[in-house]
Amino acid sequence: MLGKHQQPYEDFYHSTHENEHLDTKTELLVGLAAAMAMNCAPCTRYYLLQAKQAGITQGEISDVTAKVMAVAAGQKKLQMQEVISKYHIDLNDFN
């Protein structure tokens, strides 16, 4: 049995596919990027299958993948800089 919040979630999620400002291709590419960024394999699979049906190209998928990778790498770089700063670690002391 599903919890009481399942149906409101399902309603909300499906409403995000019926937007008034993004075309279908953009909506699918944004969804794919979000799924990848959130590390949701079932969602990534869903968006890849939908992208294929919508005629999205391998190159477009590659561009989205690269953008997600760049943002993730930037976040990890910032995370490291924050730790170094917070704990006063000098990387010049490492040999």
N, C-alpha and C. Protein backbone atom coordinates (compact mmCIF):
# COMPACT_ATOMS: atom_id res chain seq x y z
N MET A 1 0.84 -1.18 0.00
CA MET A 1 0.00 0.00 0.00
C MET A 1 0.89 1.25 0.00
N LEU A 2 0.55 2.21 -0.82
CA LEU A 2 1.32 3.45 -0.92
C LEU A 2 0.88 4.43 0.15
N GLY A 3 1.82 5.23 0.60
CA GLY A 3 1.52 6.23 1.63
C GLY A 3 0.62 7.33 1.10
N LYS A 4 0.11 8.12 2.04
CA LYS A 4 -0.83 9.18 1.69
C LYS A 4 -0.20 10.27 0.83
N HIS A 5 1.09 10.34 0.80
CA HIS A 5 1.77 11.38 0.02
C HIS A 5 2.07 10.95 -1.41
N GLN A 6 1.88 9.68 -1.72
CA GLN A 6 2.22 9.16 -3.05
C GLN A 6 1.39 9.82 -4.14
N GLN A 7 0.10 9.91 -3.96
CA GLN A 7 -0.75 10.48 -5.01
C GLN A 7 -0.48 11.97 -5.23
N PRO A 8 -0.35 12.76 -4.17
CA PRO A 8 0.02 14.18 -4.41
C PRO A 8 1.35 14.32 -5.15
N TYR A 9 2.32 13.44 -4.80
CA TYR A 9 3.60 13.48 -5.51
C TYR A 9 3.40 13.14 -6.98
N GLU A 10 2.66 12.06 -7.25
CA GLU A 10 2.42 11.64 -8.63
C GLU A 10 1.75 12.78 -9.42
N ASP A 11 0.76 13.42 -8.82
CA ASP A 11 0.06 14.53 -9.47
C ASP A 11 1.03 15.67 -9.78
N PHE A 12 1.85 16.01 -8.78
CA PHE A 12 2.83 17.08 -8.99
C PHE A 12 3.82 16.71 -10.09
N TYR A 13 4.38 15.50 -10.01
CA TYR A 13 5.38 15.08 -10.98
C TYR A 13 4.81 15.12 -12.40
N HIS A 14 3.63 14.60 -12.59
CA HIS A 14 3.04 14.59 -13.93
C HIS A 14 2.72 16.00 -14.42
N SER A 15 2.40 16.89 -13.49
CA SER A 15 2.12 18.27 -13.90
C SER A 15 3.36 18.96 -14.45
N THR A 16 4.55 18.49 -14.06
CA THR A 16 5.77 19.12 -14.57
C THR A 16 6.03 18.78 -16.03
N HIS A 17 5.33 17.79 -16.55
CA HIS A 17 5.45 17.44 -17.97
C HIS A 17 4.48 18.24 -18.82
N GLU A 18 3.62 18.99 -18.20
CA GLU A 18 2.60 19.77 -18.92
C GLU A 18 2.86 21.25 -18.69
N ASN A 19 4.06 21.68 -19.04
CA ASN A 19 4.42 23.07 -18.79
C ASN A 19 4.03 23.94 -19.97
N GLU A 20 4.00 25.23 -19.72
CA GLU A 20 3.59 26.16 -20.78
C GLU A 20 4.75 26.94 -21.38
N HIS A 21 5.95 26.77 -20.84
CA HIS A 21 7.06 27.60 -21.30
C HIS A 21 8.18 26.83 -22.01
N LEU A 22 8.28 25.54 -21.75
CA LEU A 22 9.34 24.74 -22.38
C LEU A 22 8.75 23.83 -23.44
N ASP A 23 9.46 23.74 -24.56
CA ASP A 23 9.02 22.75 -25.55
C ASP A 23 9.42 21.36 -25.06
N THR A 24 8.90 20.34 -25.69
CA THR A 24 9.11 18.96 -25.24
C THR A 24 10.58 18.60 -25.19
N LYS A 25 11.33 18.97 -26.21
CA LYS A 25 12.75 18.63 -26.27
C LYS A 25 13.50 19.25 -25.08
N THR A 26 13.25 20.52 -24.83
CA THR A 26 13.93 21.19 -23.72
C THR A 26 13.53 20.57 -22.39
N GLU A 27 12.25 20.29 -22.23
CA GLU A 27 11.76 19.68 -20.99
C GLU A 27 12.44 18.34 -20.74
N LEU A 28 12.60 17.55 -21.77
CA LEU A 28 13.26 16.25 -21.62
C LEU A 28 14.74 16.39 -21.31
N LEU A 29 15.41 17.33 -21.94
CA LEU A 29 16.83 17.54 -21.67
C LEU A 29 17.06 18.08 -20.26
N VAL A 30 16.19 18.96 -19.80
CA VAL A 30 16.28 19.46 -18.42
C VAL A 30 16.03 18.31 -17.44
N GLY A 31 15.02 17.49 -17.73
CA GLY A 31 14.73 16.34 -16.88
C GLY A 31 15.90 15.38 -16.83
N LEU A 32 16.52 15.14 -17.96
CA LEU A 32 17.68 14.25 -18.02
C LEU A 32 18.81 14.81 -17.16
N ALA A 33 19.08 16.10 -17.32
CA ALA A 33 20.15 16.72 -16.55
C ALA A 33 19.86 16.63 -15.05
N ALA A 34 18.62 16.89 -14.66
CA ALA A 34 18.25 16.82 -13.25
C ALA A 34 18.38 15.39 -12.73
N ALA A 35 17.94 14.42 -13.52
CA ALA A 35 18.02 13.02 -13.11
C ALA A 35 19.48 12.60 -12.92
N MET A 36 20.33 13.02 -13.84
CA MET A 36 21.75 12.68 -13.73
C MET A 36 22.36 13.36 -12.50
N ALA A 37 22.03 14.63 -12.30
CA ALA A 37 22.59 15.38 -11.18
C ALA A 37 22.15 14.80 -9.84
N MET A 38 20.95 14.27 -9.79
CA MET A 38 20.43 13.67 -8.55
C MET A 38 20.81 12.20 -8.42
N ASN A 39 21.54 11.68 -9.39
CA ASN A 39 22.01 10.30 -9.37
C ASN A 39 20.85 9.30 -9.29
N CYS A 40 19.81 9.58 -10.06
CA CYS A 40 18.63 8.71 -10.08
C CYS A 40 18.64 7.87 -11.35
N ALA A 41 19.11 6.64 -11.24
CA ALA A 41 19.22 5.76 -12.41
C ALA A 41 17.87 5.49 -13.07
N PRO A 42 16.80 5.20 -12.31
CA PRO A 42 15.52 4.97 -12.98
C PRO A 42 15.02 6.21 -13.73
N CYS A 43 15.25 7.38 -13.15
CA CYS A 43 14.83 8.62 -13.81
C CYS A 43 15.67 8.88 -15.06
N THR A 44 16.98 8.63 -14.96
CA THR A 44 17.86 8.81 -16.11
C THR A 44 17.43 7.88 -17.24
N ARG A 45 17.13 6.65 -16.91
CA ARG A 45 16.65 5.69 -17.91
C ARG A 45 15.36 6.20 -18.56
N TYR A 46 14.43 6.66 -17.73
CA TYR A 46 13.16 7.18 -18.25
C TYR A 46 13.42 8.31 -19.24
N TYR A 47 14.24 9.28 -18.85
CA TYR A 47 14.46 10.43 -19.73
C TYR A 47 15.23 10.05 -20.99
N LEU A 48 16.15 9.10 -20.89
CA LEU A 48 16.84 8.65 -22.10
C LEU A 48 15.87 7.98 -23.07
N LEU A 49 14.97 7.15 -22.57
CA LEU A 49 13.99 6.50 -23.44
C LEU A 49 13.04 7.53 -24.06
N GLN A 50 12.62 8.50 -23.27
CA GLN A 50 11.75 9.55 -23.79
C GLN A 50 12.49 10.41 -24.82
N ALA A 51 13.77 10.68 -24.55
CA ALA A 51 14.57 11.48 -25.47
C ALA A 51 14.70 10.78 -26.81
N LYS A 52 14.91 9.48 -26.78
CA LYS A 52 15.02 8.72 -28.03
C LYS A 52 13.73 8.82 -28.83
N GLN A 53 12.60 8.66 -28.16
CA GLN A 53 11.30 8.76 -28.84
C GLN A 53 11.06 10.15 -29.40
N ALA A 54 11.62 11.17 -28.75
CA ALA A 54 11.42 12.55 -29.18
C ALA A 54 12.41 12.97 -30.26
N GLY A 55 13.33 12.08 -30.63
CA GLY A 55 14.29 12.40 -31.69
C GLY A 55 15.48 13.21 -31.22
N ILE A 56 15.74 13.20 -29.93
CA ILE A 56 16.92 13.89 -29.41
C ILE A 56 18.16 13.10 -29.83
N THR A 57 19.18 13.82 -30.25
CA THR A 57 20.35 13.17 -30.83
C THR A 57 21.38 12.76 -29.77
N GLN A 58 22.28 11.89 -30.18
CA GLN A 58 23.38 11.47 -29.33
C GLN A 58 24.23 12.69 -28.94
N GLY A 59 24.42 13.60 -29.87
CA GLY A 59 25.20 14.80 -29.59
C GLY A 59 24.54 15.67 -28.52
N GLU A 60 23.23 15.77 -28.56
CA GLU A 60 22.52 16.56 -27.55
C GLU A 60 22.64 15.90 -26.18
N ILE A 61 22.54 14.57 -26.15
CA ILE A 61 22.72 13.84 -24.89
C ILE A 61 24.14 14.06 -24.37
N SER A 62 25.12 14.03 -25.26
CA SER A 62 26.51 14.25 -24.88
C SER A 62 26.71 15.64 -24.29
N ASP A 63 26.09 16.65 -24.90
CA ASP A 63 26.21 18.02 -24.39
C ASP A 63 25.61 18.13 -22.99
N VAL A 64 24.46 17.50 -22.77
CA VAL A 64 23.84 17.52 -21.44
C VAL A 64 24.74 16.82 -20.43
N THR A 65 25.27 15.67 -20.81
CA THR A 65 26.16 14.92 -19.92
C THR A 65 27.38 15.76 -19.55
N ALA A 66 27.96 16.44 -20.51
CA ALA A 66 29.12 17.28 -20.25
C ALA A 66 28.78 18.41 -19.30
N LYS A 67 27.61 19.01 -19.47
CA LYS A 67 27.21 20.11 -18.59
C LYS A 67 27.02 19.61 -17.16
N VAL A 68 26.38 18.46 -16.99
CA VAL A 68 26.20 17.90 -15.65
C VAL A 68 27.56 17.59 -15.03
N MET A 69 28.46 17.02 -15.82
CA MET A 69 29.80 16.72 -15.31
C MET A 69 30.54 17.99 -14.90
N ALA A 70 30.41 19.06 -15.68
CA ALA A 70 31.09 20.31 -15.38
C ALA A 70 30.56 20.93 -14.08
N VAL A 71 29.25 20.90 -13.91
CA VAL A 71 28.66 21.45 -12.69
C VAL A 71 29.09 20.62 -11.48
N ALA A 72 29.06 19.29 -11.62
CA ALA A 72 29.47 18.42 -10.52
C ALA A 72 30.94 18.65 -10.16
N ALA A 73 31.79 18.78 -11.16
CA ALA A 73 33.21 19.02 -10.91
C ALA A 73 33.41 20.36 -10.21
N GLY A 74 32.68 21.38 -10.64
CA GLY A 74 32.76 22.69 -10.00
C GLY A 74 32.33 22.63 -8.54
N GLN A 75 31.28 21.86 -8.26
CA GLN A 75 30.81 21.72 -6.89
C GLN A 75 31.86 21.04 -6.03
N LYS A 76 32.51 20.01 -6.56
CA LYS A 76 33.55 19.31 -5.80
C LYS A 76 34.77 20.21 -5.57
N LYS A 77 35.10 21.03 -6.55
CA LYS A 77 36.21 21.97 -6.40
C LYS A 77 35.89 22.96 -5.29
N LEU A 78 34.69 23.50 -5.29
CA LEU A 78 34.26 24.44 -4.27
C LEU A 78 34.25 23.78 -2.89
N GLN A 79 33.76 22.53 -2.83
CA GLN A 79 33.74 21.80 -1.57
C GLN A 79 35.16 21.68 -1.00
N MET A 80 36.11 21.34 -1.83
CA MET A 80 37.50 21.22 -1.38
C MET A 80 38.04 22.57 -0.91
N GLN A 81 37.76 23.63 -1.66
CA GLN A 81 38.22 24.96 -1.27
C GLN A 81 37.64 25.38 0.08
N GLU A 82 36.38 25.04 0.33
CA GLU A 82 35.74 25.39 1.60
C GLU A 82 36.39 24.64 2.76
N VAL A 83 36.71 23.36 2.57
CA VAL A 83 37.37 22.58 3.63
C VAL A 83 38.76 23.14 3.89
N ILE A 84 39.50 23.41 2.84
CA ILE A 84 40.85 23.96 2.98
C ILE A 84 40.81 25.27 3.75
N SER A 85 39.87 26.11 3.40
CA SER A 85 39.75 27.41 4.06
C SER A 85 39.28 27.27 5.51
N LYS A 86 38.26 26.48 5.73
CA LYS A 86 37.69 26.33 7.08
C LYS A 86 38.70 25.76 8.07
N TYR A 87 39.49 24.79 7.61
CA TYR A 87 40.43 24.12 8.50
C TYR A 87 41.87 24.60 8.34
N HIS A 88 42.04 25.70 7.60
CA HIS A 88 43.35 26.35 7.44
C HIS A 88 44.41 25.35 6.99
N ILE A 89 44.10 24.63 5.94
CA ILE A 89 45.03 23.64 5.39
C ILE A 89 45.80 24.30 4.25
N ASP A 90 47.10 24.20 4.30
CA ASP A 90 47.94 24.75 3.25
C ASP A 90 48.46 23.61 2.38
N LEU A 91 47.96 23.54 1.17
CA LEU A 91 48.37 22.47 0.28
C LEU A 91 49.84 22.55 -0.11
N ASN A 92 50.46 23.71 0.08
CA ASN A 92 51.88 23.85 -0.21
C ASN A 92 52.72 23.03 0.74
N ASP A 93 52.13 22.61 1.88
CA ASP A 93 52.84 21.78 2.85
C ASP A 93 52.86 20.31 2.42
N PHE A 94 52.13 19.97 1.37
CA PHE A 94 52.06 18.57 0.89
C PHE A 94 53.16 18.35 -0.12
N ASN A 95 53.88 17.26 0.01
CA ASN A 95 54.95 16.94 -0.94
C ASN A 95 54.54 15.85 -1.86
